[in-house]
C-alpha atoms as a PDB file:
ATOM      1  CA  MET A   1     -80.230-184.336-120.931  1.00  0.00           C
ATOM      2  CA  LYS A   2     -79.746-185.232-117.333  1.00  0.00           C
ATOM      3  CA  HIS A   3     -82.193-185.953-114.542  1.00  0.00           C
ATOM      4  CA  ARG A   4     -85.035-183.216-114.269  1.00  0.00           C
ATOM      5  CA  ALA A   5     -83.629-181.271-117.117  1.00  0.00           C
ATOM      6  CA  CYS A   6     -86.348-180.061-119.516  1.00  0.00           C
ATOM      7  CA  LEU A   7     -86.712-178.346-122.994  1.00  0.00           C
ATOM      8  CA  GLY A   8     -89.926-176.273-123.382  1.00  0.00           C
ATOM      9  CA  GLU A   9     -92.289-176.502-126.253  1.00  0.00           C
ATOM     10  CA  HIS A  10     -91.091-175.646-129.499  1.00  0.00           C
ATOM     11  CA  THR A  11     -87.334-175.478-128.313  1.00  0.00           C
ATOM     12  CA  ASN A  12     -84.922-175.916-131.244  1.00  0.00           C
ATOM     13  CA  ALA A  13     -81.719-177.911-130.386  1.00  0.00           C
ATOM     14  CA  TYR A  14     -79.871-177.601-133.571  1.00  0.00           C
ATOM     15  CA  SER A  15     -77.321-180.198-132.640  1.00  0.00           C
ATOM     16  CA  LEU A  16     -74.674-180.288-135.299  1.00  0.00           C
ATOM     17  CA  GLY A  17     -72.407-180.790-132.151  1.00  0.00           C
ATOM     18  CA  LYS A  18     -73.236-181.933-128.686  1.00  0.00           C
ATOM     19  CA  ILE A  19     -75.503-180.309-126.295  1.00  0.00           C
ATOM     20  CA  GLU A  20     -75.448-181.095-122.697  1.00  0.00           C
ATOM     21  CA  ILE A  21     -78.264-180.151-120.381  1.00  0.00           C
ATOM     22  CA  LEU A  22     -77.305-180.759-116.675  1.00  0.00           C
ATOM     23  CA  GLU A  23     -79.529-181.613-113.869  1.00  0.00           C
ATOM     24  CA  GLY A  24     -82.409-179.479-113.114  1.00  0.00           C
ATOM     25  CA  ALA A  25     -81.800-177.108-115.956  1.00  0.00           C
ATOM     26  CA  THR A  26     -84.712-175.706-117.899  1.00  0.00           C
ATOM     27  CA  VAL A  27     -84.692-174.308-121.492  1.00  0.00           C
ATOM     28  CA  ALA A  28     -87.974-172.540-121.984  1.00  0.00           C
ATOM     29  CA  GLN A  29     -90.316-172.488-124.945  1.00  0.00           C
ATOM     30  CA  GLU A  30     -89.058-171.469-128.442  1.00  0.00           C
ATOM     31  CA  ALA A  31     -85.410-171.056-127.275  1.00  0.00           C
ATOM     32  CA  TYR A  32     -82.839-171.946-129.842  1.00  0.00           C
ATOM     33  CA  LEU A  33     -79.632-173.830-129.041  1.00  0.00           C
ATOM     34  CA  CYS A  34     -77.173-173.708-131.932  1.00  0.00           C
ATOM     35  CA  THR A  35     -73.984-175.712-131.864  1.00  0.00           C
ATOM     36  CA  GLY A  36     -73.003-174.749-135.548  1.00  0.00           C
ATOM     37  CA  THR A  37     -71.609-171.699-137.370  1.00  0.00           C
ATOM     38  CA  HIS A  38     -69.260-171.070-140.234  1.00  0.00           C
ATOM     39  CA  ASP A  39     -65.688-169.848-140.607  1.00  0.00           C
ATOM     40  CA  PHE A  40     -66.341-166.676-142.557  1.00  0.00           C
ATOM     41  CA  GLU A  41     -62.573-166.030-142.977  1.00  0.00           C
ATOM     42  CA  ASN A  42     -62.415-169.054-145.031  1.00  0.00           C
ATOM     43  CA  PRO A  43     -63.569-168.769-148.750  1.00  0.00           C
ATOM     44  CA  THR A  44     -65.124-172.283-148.284  1.00  0.00           C
ATOM     45  CA  MET A  45     -67.006-170.940-145.217  1.00  0.00           C
ATOM     46  CA  GLN A  46     -66.177-174.340-143.557  1.00  0.00           C
ATOM     47  CA  LEU A  47     -68.662-175.634-140.938  1.00  0.00           C
ATOM     48  CA  ILE A  48     -67.620-175.165-137.189  1.00  0.00           C
ATOM     49  CA  THR A  49     -69.309-176.874-134.350  1.00  0.00           C
ATOM     50  CA  GLU A  50     -68.902-176.311-130.850  1.00  0.00           C
ATOM     51  CA  LYS A  51     -70.370-178.021-127.745  1.00  0.00           C
ATOM     52  CA  ILE A  52     -73.021-176.305-125.579  1.00  0.00           C
ATOM     53  CA  ILE A  53     -73.333-177.014-121.999  1.00  0.00           C
ATOM     54  CA  ILE A  54     -76.485-175.813-119.938  1.00  0.00           C
ATOM     55  CA  GLY A  55     -75.268-175.886-116.042  1.00  0.00           C
ATOM     56  CA  LYS A  56     -77.250-177.414-113.280  1.00  0.00           C
ATOM     57  CA  ASN A  57     -80.389-175.748-112.147  1.00  0.00           C
ATOM     58  CA  SER A  58     -79.947-172.938-114.667  1.00  0.00           C
ATOM     59  CA  PHE A  59     -82.772-171.437-116.546  1.00  0.00           C
ATOM     60  CA  ILE A  60     -82.900-170.148-120.309  1.00  0.00           C
ATOM     61  CA  GLY A  61     -85.697-167.973-120.907  1.00  0.00           C
ATOM     62  CA  ALA A  62     -88.193-168.015-123.726  1.00  0.00           C
ATOM     63  CA  ARG A  63     -87.004-167.408-127.324  1.00  0.00           C
ATOM     64  CA  ALA A  64     -83.286-167.010-125.981  1.00  0.00           C
ATOM     65  CA  MET A  65     -80.618-167.967-128.433  1.00  0.00           C
ATOM     66  CA  VAL A  66     -77.357-169.837-127.261  1.00  0.00           C
ATOM     67  CA  LEU A  67     -74.515-169.894-129.658  1.00  0.00           C
ATOM     68  CA  PRO A  68     -71.794-172.468-130.249  1.00  0.00           C
ATOM     69  CA  GLY A  69     -69.288-173.017-127.446  1.00  0.00           C
ATOM     70  CA  VAL A  70     -71.254-171.466-124.837  1.00  0.00           C
ATOM     71  CA  LYS A  71     -71.231-172.864-121.346  1.00  0.00           C
ATOM     72  CA  ILE A  72     -73.967-171.670-118.931  1.00  0.00           C
ATOM     73  CA  GLY A  73     -72.946-172.000-115.322  1.00  0.00           C
ATOM     74  CA  GLU A  74     -74.787-173.641-112.474  1.00  0.00           C
ATOM     75  CA  ASN A  75     -77.974-171.472-111.370  1.00  0.00           C
ATOM     76  CA  ALA A  76     -77.457-169.035-114.056  1.00  0.00           C
ATOM     77  CA  ILE A  77     -80.680-167.129-115.325  1.00  0.00           C
ATOM     78  CA  ILE A  78     -80.734-166.074-118.999  1.00  0.00           C
ATOM     79  CA  GLY A  79     -83.577-163.684-119.776  1.00  0.00           C
ATOM     80  CA  ALA A  80     -86.194-164.259-122.510  1.00  0.00           C
ATOM     81  CA  GLN A  81     -85.004-163.326-126.029  1.00  0.00           C
ATOM     82  CA  SER A  82     -81.394-162.924-124.832  1.00  0.00           C
ATOM     83  CA  VAL A  83     -78.410-163.717-127.238  1.00  0.00           C
ATOM     84  CA  VAL A  84     -75.650-165.620-125.325  1.00  0.00           C
ATOM     85  CA  THR A  85     -72.390-165.565-127.249  1.00  0.00           C
ATOM     86  CA  LYS A  86     -70.024-166.097-124.455  1.00  0.00           C
ATOM     87  CA  MET A  87     -69.630-168.234-121.281  1.00  0.00           C
ATOM     88  CA  CYS A  88     -71.837-167.217-118.300  1.00  0.00           C
ATOM     89  CA  TRP A  89     -70.552-168.990-115.064  1.00  0.00           C
ATOM     90  CA  LEU A  90     -72.066-166.922-112.201  1.00  0.00           C
ATOM     91  CA  ILE A  91     -75.441-166.209-111.648  1.00  0.00           C
ATOM     92  CA  LEU A  92     -76.331-163.718-114.508  1.00  0.00           C
ATOM     93  CA  PHE A  93     -79.280-161.704-115.084  1.00  0.00           C
ATOM     94  CA  LEU A  94     -79.434-160.703-118.725  1.00  0.00           C
ATOM     95  CA  LEU A  95     -82.965-159.324-117.886  1.00  0.00           C
ATOM     96  CA  VAL A  96     -80.861-156.057-116.557  1.00  0.00           C
ATOM     97  CA  ILE A  97     -79.573-155.477-120.013  1.00  0.00           C
ATOM     98  CA  LEU A  98     -83.044-155.919-121.722  1.00  0.00           C
ATOM     99  CA  HIS A  99     -84.543-153.538-119.038  1.00  0.00           C
ATOM    100  CA  GLU A 100     -82.000-150.824-119.671  1.00  0.00           C
ATOM    101  CA  LYS A 101     -82.407-151.286-123.436  1.00  0.00           C
ATOM    102  CA  LEU A 102     -86.128-150.822-123.102  1.00  0.00           C
ATOM    103  CA  ALA A 103     -85.936-148.025-120.626  1.00  0.00           C
ATOM    104  CA  HIS A 104     -83.677-146.092-123.065  1.00  0.00           C
ATOM    105  CA  GLU A 105     -85.907-146.903-126.089  1.00  0.00           C
ATOM    106  CA  ARG A 106     -89.085-146.145-124.293  1.00  0.00           C
ATOM    107  CA  PRO A 107     -88.295-143.453-121.737  1.00  0.00           C
ATOM    108  CA  ASN A 108     -91.952-142.666-121.079  1.00  0.00           C
ATOM    109  CA  GLU A 109     -93.028-146.141-120.196  1.00  0.00           C
ATOM    110  CA  SER A 110     -92.301-147.878-116.708  1.00  0.00           C
ATOM    111  CA  PHE A 111     -90.578-151.330-116.786  1.00  0.00           C
ATOM    112  CA  ASN A 112     -90.256-151.785-112.948  1.00  0.00           C
END
């Protein structure tokens, strides 16, 4: 963890591999950073680890999950309960995806 980076309460940094949290980045409460997975195409299901990098001044929302090999770019914002499977380099609002999903599932409610 770099200067002014922080992990929220009950965050799980499952560090089978390296996790780098850069300056000013915030990982909110109960988020899950997981650097390990398995090779499911191999009968032995060998462990695979990949580094996670959380960029400068980025924000990972509460209960979000960041999977192995993900690089979150500088100033990125990842919404609460998001699952991040790929690199996010530009400012990215996964909240939009959650908003659209909720609007579709609950058309009679307002989410604005």
